[in-house]
Amino acid sequence: MVFNSFDFAVFLVLVWGMYALMRGAGARRVMLLIMSLVFYGWWDWRFLPLIIGVSAMAWGAARLHQWAMGLGKPQAAAWAVRAGVGLPLFVLAFFKYALFMLDSSVSVFAVLGLRLPSPEISILLPVGISFYTFQALSYVIDVSRGRCAVERSFWNVLLYITFFPQLVAGPIVTAASFMPQLHTARVVTPALFASGLRLVLWGLLLKVVFADALATWADPIFAQPGGYTLAGRWLGVLAFSGQIYFDFAGYSTMAIGLGRTLGYSFPLNFDVPYRARNITDFWRRWHISLSNWLRDYLFIPLGGNRQHFYRNLLLTMVLGGLWHGASWNFILWGLLHGLALITHKLWIKSSIQGQASTAGLTLSWLMTQAVVLVAWVPFRAADLKTTLWFFTANARSDALTVPDCQITIAWLIVPLIVDGLLSRRITAEEAPSPKTNAAPADQRPALLTALAYAALLLLILALGTWESQTFLYFQF
């Protein structure tokens, strides 16, 4: 069940209807938990015990930590945290990385002259496992750091980890920001619901109109890069840069909006990233919840900027790349971004800071976008061999010939302009406070607002590409 499907539309109407009819906060949480499990089980019910088990590991480890600290046994409490972190990571490693490690081992032994049989097993990757594992780790670590109170109720922890709006592809919501919302009344005012609905429609527009249109250009080129000229291949990379942004930003925006319609607040996940003028700024704007998670739970514990700063930064980015998928391509993608970040830090450290000129800012922006664009190649390509195709110049005389495209260059420019003008304002300025659960009042007449939403929905239905009902980040 995906957000851009008829099944989900029916599911969502049922959730909204039951939520409106229920008055007790406890009854609403139970309903949301049940419907979240239904939502996840729609893909494959066999993985329901897995997500419940990971949630139980996190809940149990936090309770053991509290119990050990109450008895004055800090070492036992530390071991409880290690178990609460290690067990979910083991589950993630088994499902996501076991075959990659086996295949890599076979390749290494082959180089050494030892022939080992290739593994003839397959492991089905549970959808969303990377996201809900990180949230389980967040709960254990936040409790151990005192940033989040320990939950006596397992069901509250399970709701936090399985909450359907952000379950499959984020944003990655930390326990410290979400768990307090379960203990305050979630009042959904008309203004808050309208704000959330606006984001749902906006995210749907980004996905089915912009991202899926760009996919019709990018997918064939990445499938058979050898069949295109050098210029054609790089136009495919440019199309993919827009596709992945609008695809993931569309999902995140819809998730934030769905949370609002139910009274819950999620963090901003994108802030017009292609506006960034340096690679550090790009990572402040791109997949913000992952950037913050890696900073708080990996980079800082490794030592942050206190010791071995560049090593910590590079390792964090490489592991962040590996988090996206079990592939040398993702490791290369993380390595490229890590080296770019280190280069930028060294440049700042060695240069004299002053007022930058317009030409300098423009050049900085172009260099940043070039680095991001180059790094998208291993991120999207099927393997390292395919990646190399994009960096191999054609010897033919038509190397720079632009192929006929199914869509025009306007699809690369217009969406970015629209996003820059509207997305940031809609997502950031109207965000309700997690504590007060308040949203600014809508001053427009209700009828006018309803007509505007209906017109936007009709536009999406008319222009949208509905054949594809998947999101790129579902595979991570």
Protein backbone atom coordinates (compact mmCIF):
# COMPACT_ATOMS: atom_id res chain seq x y z
CA MET A 1 0.00 0.00 0.00
CA VAL A 2 1.64 3.21 -1.16
CA PHE A 3 0.55 6.82 -0.78
CA ASN A 4 -0.21 7.27 -4.49
CA SER A 5 -2.67 4.36 -4.71
CA PHE A 6 -6.43 3.92 -4.50
CA ASP A 7 -6.00 1.38 -1.69
CA PHE A 8 -4.26 3.97 0.45
CA ALA A 9 -6.92 6.58 -0.29
CA VAL A 10 -9.58 4.20 1.06
CA PHE A 11 -7.35 3.30 4.03
CA LEU A 12 -6.78 6.98 4.84
CA VAL A 13 -10.48 7.87 4.71
CA LEU A 14 -11.18 5.03 7.15
CA VAL A 15 -8.45 6.25 9.50
CA TRP A 16 -9.70 9.84 9.39
CA GLY A 17 -13.27 8.70 9.96
CA MET A 18 -12.46 6.52 12.97
CA TYR A 19 -10.14 9.18 14.39
CA ALA A 20 -12.91 11.80 14.20
CA LEU A 21 -15.45 9.51 15.86
CA MET A 22 -13.17 8.59 18.76
CA ARG A 23 -12.81 11.05 21.62
CA GLY A 24 -10.47 9.27 24.05
CA ALA A 25 -6.72 9.69 23.48
CA GLY A 26 -6.08 6.08 24.47
CA ALA A 27 -8.67 4.72 22.02
CA ARG A 28 -7.19 6.84 19.25
CA ARG A 29 -3.69 5.51 19.94
CA VAL A 30 -4.96 1.92 19.87
CA MET A 31 -6.72 2.54 16.57
CA LEU A 32 -3.61 4.17 15.06
CA LEU A 33 -1.48 1.24 16.21
CA ILE A 34 -3.83 -1.33 14.69
CA MET A 35 -4.12 0.57 11.42
CA SER A 36 -0.35 1.09 11.27
CA LEU A 37 0.17 -2.67 11.58
CA VAL A 38 -2.44 -3.21 8.85
CA PHE A 39 -0.63 -0.66 6.68
CA TYR A 40 2.72 -2.43 7.10
CA GLY A 41 1.27 -5.91 6.79
CA TRP A 42 -0.32 -4.95 3.47
CA TRP A 43 3.06 -5.51 1.79
CA ASP A 44 3.87 -8.82 3.47
CA TRP A 45 2.23 -9.88 6.73
CA ARG A 46 5.11 -12.28 7.41
CA PHE A 47 7.33 -9.34 8.39
CA LEU A 48 4.95 -8.11 11.09
CA PRO A 49 6.60 -10.32 13.77
CA LEU A 50 9.96 -8.82 12.75
CA ILE A 51 8.99 -5.18 13.28
CA ILE A 52 7.16 -6.09 16.48
CA GLY A 53 10.25 -8.01 17.63
CA VAL A 54 12.59 -5.08 16.91
CA SER A 55 10.23 -2.81 18.85
CA ALA A 56 10.21 -5.29 21.76
CA MET A 57 14.02 -5.32 21.78
CA ALA A 58 14.11 -1.53 22.08
CA TRP A 59 11.38 -1.38 24.73
CA GLY A 60 12.93 -4.20 26.79
CA ALA A 61 16.44 -2.76 26.64
CA ALA A 62 15.21 0.65 27.84
CA ARG A 63 13.30 -0.96 30.72
CA LEU A 64 16.36 -3.01 31.70
CA HIS A 65 18.49 0.14 31.59
CA GLN A 66 16.08 1.93 33.94
CA TRP A 67 15.91 -1.07 36.27
CA ALA A 68 19.71 -1.41 36.44
CA MET A 69 20.22 2.30 37.06
CA GLY A 70 17.63 2.17 39.82
CA LEU A 71 19.65 -0.58 41.50
CA GLY A 72 22.84 1.43 41.15
CA LYS A 73 24.38 -0.90 38.56
CA PRO A 74 25.66 1.33 35.75
CA GLN A 75 27.62 -1.47 34.09
CA ALA A 76 24.50 -3.62 33.79
CA ALA A 77 22.64 -0.58 32.44
CA ALA A 78 25.37 -0.05 29.84
CA TRP A 79 25.09 -3.69 28.74
CA ALA A 80 21.34 -3.27 28.37
CA VAL A 81 21.92 -0.35 26.02
CA ARG A 82 24.50 -2.34 24.05
CA ALA A 83 21.97 -5.15 23.66
CA GLY A 84 19.24 -2.71 22.67
CA VAL A 85 21.49 -1.29 19.97
CA GLY A 86 23.26 -4.47 18.92
CA LEU A 87 20.24 -6.75 18.44
CA PRO A 88 18.32 -4.47 16.04
CA LEU A 89 21.56 -3.82 14.16
CA PHE A 90 22.11 -7.57 13.86
CA VAL A 91 18.62 -7.95 12.39
CA LEU A 92 19.33 -5.13 9.93
CA ALA A 93 22.71 -6.62 9.00
CA PHE A 94 21.23 -10.06 8.38
CA PHE A 95 18.44 -8.95 6.09
CA LYS A 96 20.25 -6.14 4.31
CA TYR A 97 23.94 -7.00 4.26
CA ALA A 98 24.39 -10.77 4.68
CA LEU A 99 24.36 -11.58 0.96
CA PHE A 100 26.53 -8.56 0.15
CA MET A 101 29.15 -9.69 2.67
CA LEU A 102 29.05 -13.28 1.36
CA ASP A 103 29.40 -12.17 -2.26
CA SER A 104 32.22 -9.80 -1.36
CA SER A 105 34.03 -12.56 0.53
CA VAL A 106 33.77 -14.87 -2.48
CA SER A 107 35.25 -12.12 -4.69
CA VAL A 108 38.13 -11.47 -2.27
CA PHE A 109 39.01 -15.17 -2.04
CA ALA A 110 38.84 -15.42 -5.84
CA VAL A 111 41.48 -12.67 -6.10
CA LEU A 112 43.64 -14.72 -3.71
CA GLY A 113 43.24 -17.76 -5.92
CA LEU A 114 40.68 -19.58 -3.80
CA ARG A 115 37.49 -20.57 -5.60
CA LEU A 116 34.47 -20.63 -3.32
CA PRO A 117 30.93 -21.42 -4.46
CA SER A 118 28.71 -18.38 -4.79
CA PRO A 119 25.83 -18.32 -2.27
CA GLU A 120 22.64 -19.66 -3.79
CA ILE A 121 20.27 -18.17 -1.26
CA SER A 122 18.04 -15.14 -1.38
CA ILE A 123 16.91 -12.97 1.49
CA LEU A 124 13.83 -10.82 1.00
CA LEU A 125 14.46 -7.29 2.27
CA PRO A 126 11.65 -6.10 4.57
CA VAL A 127 10.31 -2.77 3.39
CA GLY A 128 11.35 0.16 5.58
CA ILE A 129 13.74 -1.87 7.76
CA SER A 130 16.47 0.79 7.64
CA PHE A 131 14.08 3.49 8.84
CA TYR A 132 12.36 1.62 11.66
CA THR A 133 15.67 0.16 12.89
CA PHE A 134 17.09 3.68 13.26
CA GLN A 135 13.99 4.73 15.21
CA ALA A 136 14.34 1.72 17.52
CA LEU A 137 17.98 2.69 18.15
CA SER A 138 16.92 6.28 18.76
CA TYR A 139 14.53 5.19 21.52
CA VAL A 140 17.15 3.13 23.37
CA ILE A 141 19.86 5.76 23.07
CA ASP A 142 17.59 8.71 23.94
CA VAL A 143 16.39 6.91 27.08
CA SER A 144 19.97 6.10 28.11
CA ARG A 145 21.00 9.74 27.60
CA GLY A 146 18.06 11.07 29.59
CA ARG A 147 16.57 12.82 26.56
CA CYS A 148 13.43 10.69 26.66
CA ALA A 149 11.51 9.13 29.55
CA VAL A 150 11.33 5.35 29.58
CA GLU A 151 7.96 3.98 28.48
CA ARG A 152 6.18 1.46 30.67
CA SER A 153 3.76 0.74 27.85
CA PHE A 154 5.18 -1.46 25.10
CA TRP A 155 2.27 -0.38 22.89
CA ASN A 156 3.40 3.25 22.93
CA VAL A 157 6.87 2.23 21.78
CA LEU A 158 5.35 0.02 19.10
CA LEU A 159 3.18 2.91 17.87
CA TYR A 160 6.23 5.20 17.72
CA ILE A 161 8.14 2.71 15.55
CA THR A 162 5.22 1.59 13.35
CA PHE A 163 3.29 4.87 12.96
CA PHE A 164 2.19 4.56 9.34
CA PRO A 165 2.76 8.10 7.91
CA GLN A 166 6.55 7.87 8.29
CA LEU A 167 7.06 4.12 8.74
CA VAL A 168 8.33 3.11 5.32
CA ALA A 169 10.53 6.00 4.20
CA GLY A 170 10.74 8.56 6.96
CA PRO A 171 11.35 11.26 8.01
CA ILE A 172 13.37 9.52 10.72
CA VAL A 173 11.61 10.72 13.87
CA THR A 174 13.65 10.59 17.08
CA ALA A 175 12.09 9.23 20.25
CA ALA A 176 12.86 12.46 22.10
CA SER A 177 10.71 14.43 19.67
CA PHE A 178 7.86 11.94 19.22
CA MET A 179 7.27 10.14 22.51
CA PRO A 180 6.14 13.29 24.42
CA GLN A 181 3.41 13.72 21.79
CA LEU A 182 1.86 10.44 22.93
CA HIS A 183 1.32 11.91 26.38
CA THR A 184 -0.42 15.12 25.36
CA ALA A 185 -3.87 15.44 23.84
CA ARG A 186 -3.72 15.62 20.05
CA VAL A 187 -6.34 18.20 19.10
CA VAL A 188 -6.92 18.38 15.36
CA THR A 189 -8.35 21.79 14.57
CA PRO A 190 -9.78 22.62 11.14
CA ALA A 191 -6.74 24.82 10.48
CA LEU A 192 -4.32 22.03 11.41
CA PHE A 193 -6.17 19.47 9.29
CA ALA A 194 -6.26 21.88 6.32
CA SER A 195 -2.55 22.53 6.73
CA GLY A 196 -1.85 18.79 6.71
CA LEU A 197 -4.11 18.16 3.72
CA ARG A 198 -2.33 20.90 1.79
CA LEU A 199 0.98 19.14 2.38
CA VAL A 200 -0.46 15.78 1.32
CA LEU A 201 -1.61 17.27 -1.98
CA TRP A 202 1.65 19.13 -2.47
CA GLY A 203 3.68 15.96 -1.86
CA LEU A 204 1.47 14.03 -4.25
CA LEU A 205 2.12 16.70 -6.89
CA LEU A 206 5.88 16.40 -6.42
CA LYS A 207 5.70 12.62 -6.77
CA VAL A 208 3.23 11.79 -9.54
CA VAL A 209 3.61 14.91 -11.69
CA PHE A 210 7.30 15.84 -11.36
CA ALA A 211 9.24 12.77 -10.15
CA ASP A 212 7.45 10.16 -12.24
CA ALA A 213 7.69 12.29 -15.38
CA LEU A 214 11.46 12.60 -14.90
CA ALA A 215 11.63 8.83 -14.32
CA THR A 216 10.47 8.22 -17.89
CA TRP A 217 13.61 10.01 -19.00
CA ALA A 218 16.14 8.73 -16.44
CA ASP A 219 15.18 5.05 -16.11
CA PRO A 220 15.83 3.94 -19.72
CA ILE A 221 19.21 5.69 -19.76
CA PHE A 222 20.38 4.02 -16.56
CA ALA A 223 19.03 0.69 -17.76
CA GLN A 224 21.15 0.77 -20.95
CA PRO A 225 23.69 3.61 -20.75
CA GLY A 226 25.71 2.15 -23.62
CA GLY A 227 22.86 2.91 -25.98
CA TYR A 228 23.12 6.66 -25.44
CA THR A 229 25.65 9.32 -26.30
CA LEU A 230 27.76 10.94 -23.62
CA ALA A 231 25.46 13.97 -23.61
CA GLY A 232 22.41 11.73 -23.42
CA ARG A 233 23.76 9.82 -20.45
CA TRP A 234 24.46 12.97 -18.48
CA LEU A 235 21.04 14.37 -19.28
CA GLY A 236 19.77 11.14 -17.73
CA VAL A 237 21.81 11.87 -14.61
CA LEU A 238 20.35 15.37 -14.51
CA ALA A 239 16.86 13.94 -14.83
CA PHE A 240 17.55 11.48 -12.01
CA SER A 241 18.76 14.27 -9.75
CA GLY A 242 15.31 15.81 -10.08
CA GLN A 243 13.51 12.47 -9.91
CA ILE A 244 15.02 11.35 -6.63
CA TYR A 245 14.52 14.73 -5.01
CA PHE A 246 10.87 15.12 -5.97
CA ASP A 247 10.19 11.45 -5.25
CA PHE A 248 11.65 11.51 -1.74
CA ALA A 249 10.62 15.07 -0.91
CA GLY A 250 7.13 14.18 -2.13
CA TYR A 251 6.94 11.21 0.23
CA SER A 252 8.36 13.18 3.17
CA THR A 253 6.00 16.10 2.56
CA MET A 254 3.02 13.73 2.43
CA ALA A 255 4.20 12.02 5.62
CA ILE A 256 4.46 15.36 7.45
CA GLY A 257 1.02 16.34 6.18
CA LEU A 258 -0.55 13.00 7.18
CA GLY A 259 0.93 13.39 10.65
CA ARG A 260 -0.61 16.85 10.94
CA THR A 261 -4.07 15.62 9.97
CA LEU A 262 -3.82 13.32 13.00
CA GLY A 263 -2.33 15.96 15.29
CA TYR A 264 1.32 14.82 15.21
CA SER A 265 4.38 16.83 14.28
CA PHE A 266 7.27 15.44 12.22
CA PRO A 267 10.56 17.20 11.48
CA LEU A 268 11.29 18.96 8.21
CA ASN A 269 13.19 16.60 5.90
CA PHE A 270 14.09 18.83 2.93
CA ASP A 271 14.84 22.52 2.65
CA VAL A 272 15.31 23.29 -1.06
CA PRO A 273 18.66 21.40 -1.19
CA TYR A 274 19.60 22.33 -4.76
CA ARG A 275 19.85 25.92 -3.58
CA ALA A 276 22.93 25.00 -1.50
CA ARG A 277 26.14 26.87 -2.30
CA ASN A 278 28.48 24.38 -0.64
CA ILE A 279 28.36 20.68 0.17
CA THR A 280 28.00 21.27 3.92
CA ASP A 281 24.94 23.41 3.28
CA PHE A 282 23.60 20.71 0.96
CA TRP A 283 23.61 18.19 3.82
CA ARG A 284 21.85 20.70 6.05
CA ARG A 285 19.06 20.74 3.47
CA TRP A 286 18.99 17.18 2.07
CA HIS A 287 17.37 14.32 4.05
CA ILE A 288 17.70 16.44 7.17
CA SER A 289 16.39 13.76 9.53
CA LEU A 290 19.09 11.30 8.38
CA SER A 291 21.81 13.97 8.56
CA ASN A 292 20.78 14.82 12.13
CA TRP A 293 20.55 11.14 13.08
CA LEU A 294 24.04 10.39 11.76
CA ARG A 295 25.41 13.46 13.53
CA ASP A 296 23.80 12.76 16.92
CA TYR A 297 24.09 8.97 17.06
CA LEU A 298 27.24 8.25 15.05
CA PHE A 299 29.48 11.24 14.33
CA ILE A 300 29.43 12.74 17.85
CA PRO A 301 29.89 9.37 19.64
CA LEU A 302 32.87 8.67 17.37
CA GLY A 303 34.46 11.83 18.72
CA GLY A 304 32.85 14.51 16.57
CA ASN A 305 35.12 17.47 16.02
CA ARG A 306 36.96 16.91 19.30
CA GLN A 307 39.38 14.29 17.95
CA HIS A 308 40.01 12.66 14.57
CA PHE A 309 37.48 15.01 12.99
CA TYR A 310 38.16 14.14 9.35
CA ARG A 311 38.25 10.40 10.04
CA ASN A 312 34.94 10.63 11.89
CA LEU A 313 33.38 12.67 9.11
CA LEU A 314 34.51 10.29 6.36
CA LEU A 315 33.45 7.19 8.29
CA THR A 316 30.05 8.71 9.03
CA MET A 317 29.39 9.44 5.37
CA VAL A 318 30.60 6.02 4.20
CA LEU A 319 28.35 4.30 6.73
CA GLY A 320 25.55 6.66 5.70
CA GLY A 321 26.05 5.51 2.13
CA LEU A 322 26.02 1.87 3.20
CA TRP A 323 22.79 2.51 5.11
CA HIS A 324 21.13 3.21 1.78
CA GLY A 325 21.95 -0.22 0.41
CA ALA A 326 24.29 -3.21 0.39
CA SER A 327 26.40 -2.23 -2.59
CA TRP A 328 29.86 -0.91 -3.36
CA ASN A 329 28.09 1.81 -5.31
CA PHE A 330 26.51 3.20 -2.15
CA ILE A 331 29.85 3.02 -0.37
CA LEU A 332 31.37 4.99 -3.25
CA TRP A 333 28.54 7.53 -3.05
CA GLY A 334 29.14 8.02 0.67
CA LEU A 335 32.90 8.22 0.10
CA LEU A 336 32.50 10.92 -2.55
CA HIS A 337 30.33 13.03 -0.26
CA GLY A 338 32.68 12.44 2.66
CA LEU A 339 35.69 13.60 0.64
CA ALA A 340 33.74 16.60 -0.62
CA LEU A 341 32.80 17.59 2.94
CA ILE A 342 36.41 17.23 4.09
CA THR A 343 37.62 19.31 1.14
CA HIS A 344 35.11 22.03 2.00
CA LYS A 345 36.17 22.03 5.67
CA LEU A 346 39.84 22.30 4.69
CA TRP A 347 39.03 25.12 2.26
CA ILE A 348 37.21 27.06 4.97
CA LYS A 349 40.07 26.48 7.40
CA SER A 350 42.76 27.63 4.99
CA SER A 351 41.00 30.52 3.27
CA ILE A 352 40.36 34.05 4.42
CA GLN A 353 36.67 34.54 4.98
CA GLY A 354 35.14 37.70 3.64
CA GLN A 355 32.22 39.05 1.70
CA ALA A 356 31.74 36.79 -1.31
CA SER A 357 31.02 38.32 -4.70
CA THR A 358 28.07 37.33 -6.84
CA ALA A 359 30.43 35.58 -9.24
CA GLY A 360 32.05 33.70 -6.36
CA LEU A 361 28.70 32.56 -4.96
CA THR A 362 27.58 31.46 -8.41
CA LEU A 363 30.78 29.50 -8.93
CA SER A 364 30.43 27.91 -5.49
CA TRP A 365 26.86 26.89 -6.32
CA LEU A 366 27.90 25.39 -9.66
CA MET A 367 30.72 23.40 -8.06
CA THR A 368 28.39 22.08 -5.37
CA GLN A 369 25.80 20.96 -7.88
CA ALA A 370 28.50 19.34 -10.01
CA VAL A 371 29.73 17.27 -7.05
CA VAL A 372 26.18 16.23 -6.13
CA LEU A 373 25.41 15.37 -9.77
CA VAL A 374 28.53 13.23 -10.19
CA ALA A 375 27.79 11.39 -6.95
CA TRP A 376 24.26 10.53 -8.13
CA VAL A 377 25.75 8.23 -10.77
CA PRO A 378 26.90 5.45 -8.40
CA PHE A 379 23.80 6.02 -6.29
CA ARG A 380 21.50 5.17 -9.21
CA ALA A 381 23.62 2.87 -11.39
CA ALA A 382 23.09 -0.87 -11.07
CA ASP A 383 26.76 -1.66 -10.38
CA LEU A 384 30.29 -0.28 -10.67
CA LYS A 385 30.54 -1.34 -14.31
CA THR A 386 27.48 0.71 -15.17
CA THR A 387 28.87 3.61 -13.15
CA LEU A 388 32.02 3.62 -15.29
CA TRP A 389 29.95 3.92 -18.46
CA PHE A 390 28.88 7.41 -17.43
CA PHE A 391 32.48 8.56 -17.07
CA THR A 392 33.71 7.05 -20.35
CA ALA A 393 33.72 9.46 -23.29
CA ASN A 394 32.37 8.13 -26.56
CA ALA A 395 34.82 8.05 -29.42
CA ARG A 396 31.99 8.56 -31.87
CA SER A 397 31.53 11.92 -33.51
CA ASP A 398 28.03 12.22 -32.06
CA ALA A 399 29.21 12.05 -28.42
CA LEU A 400 27.73 15.45 -27.66
CA THR A 401 24.53 14.92 -29.60
CA VAL A 402 21.48 15.34 -27.41
CA PRO A 403 18.99 12.52 -27.93
CA ASP A 404 15.29 13.05 -28.42
CA CYS A 405 13.66 13.24 -24.99
CA GLN A 406 10.17 12.23 -24.02
CA ILE A 407 9.93 15.39 -21.93
CA THR A 408 11.36 18.85 -22.38
CA ILE A 409 14.07 20.59 -20.39
CA ALA A 410 11.30 22.58 -18.70
CA TRP A 411 10.62 19.53 -16.52
CA LEU A 412 14.04 20.04 -14.98
CA ILE A 413 13.60 23.75 -14.34
CA VAL A 414 9.93 24.44 -13.63
CA PRO A 415 9.61 21.96 -10.71
CA LEU A 416 12.65 23.46 -8.99
CA ILE A 417 11.23 26.96 -9.34
CA VAL A 418 7.84 25.87 -7.99
CA ASP A 419 9.52 24.01 -5.15
CA GLY A 420 11.71 26.95 -4.23
CA LEU A 421 8.75 29.33 -4.15
CA LEU A 422 6.21 27.20 -2.29
CA SER A 423 7.57 24.06 -0.67
CA ARG A 424 9.75 25.67 1.99
CA ARG A 425 7.04 28.12 3.06
CA ILE A 426 4.31 25.48 3.21
CA THR A 427 6.44 22.97 5.10
CA ALA A 428 8.28 25.22 7.53
CA GLU A 429 6.13 28.21 8.38
CA GLU A 430 2.95 26.31 9.13
CA ALA A 431 4.50 23.56 11.23
CA PRO A 432 2.62 23.08 14.53
CA SER A 433 4.47 22.93 17.79
CA PRO A 434 4.87 19.36 19.14
CA LYS A 435 3.94 20.69 22.58
CA THR A 436 1.07 23.06 21.85
CA ASN A 437 -0.24 21.17 18.81
CA ALA A 438 -1.27 24.53 17.36
CA ALA A 439 -1.31 25.73 13.79
CA PRO A 440 -1.94 29.24 12.46
CA ALA A 441 -5.52 29.94 11.62
CA ASP A 442 -6.49 29.90 7.98
CA GLN A 443 -7.93 33.32 7.17
CA ARG A 444 -9.42 32.25 3.84
CA PRO A 445 -13.08 31.27 3.56
CA ALA A 446 -13.66 27.53 3.95
CA LEU A 447 -15.44 27.26 0.60
CA LEU A 448 -12.59 28.99 -1.23
CA THR A 449 -10.05 26.70 0.44
CA ALA A 450 -12.06 23.60 -0.47
CA LEU A 451 -12.34 24.73 -4.09
CA ALA A 452 -8.60 25.41 -4.27
CA TYR A 453 -7.81 21.94 -2.91
CA ALA A 454 -10.26 20.33 -5.32
CA ALA A 455 -8.68 22.18 -8.24
CA LEU A 456 -5.20 21.06 -7.15
CA LEU A 457 -6.38 17.45 -6.87
CA LEU A 458 -7.92 17.58 -10.35
CA LEU A 459 -4.65 19.01 -11.70
CA ILE A 460 -2.71 16.15 -10.11
CA LEU A 461 -5.13 13.55 -11.49
CA ALA A 462 -4.87 15.06 -14.96
CA LEU A 463 -1.09 15.54 -15.15
CA GLY A 464 0.09 12.70 -12.93
CA THR A 465 1.83 9.52 -14.05
CA TRP A 466 -0.10 6.75 -12.32
CA GLU A 467 1.48 3.63 -13.80
CA SER A 468 4.27 3.61 -11.21
CA GLN A 469 3.09 3.10 -7.64
CA THR A 470 6.37 2.98 -5.81
CA PHE A 471 8.83 5.34 -4.14
CA LEU A 472 12.60 5.13 -4.64
CA TYR A 473 13.39 5.08 -0.93
CA PHE A 474 11.20 2.01 -0.33
CA GLN A 475 14.19 -0.11 -1.37
CA PHE A 476 16.32 1.32 1.44
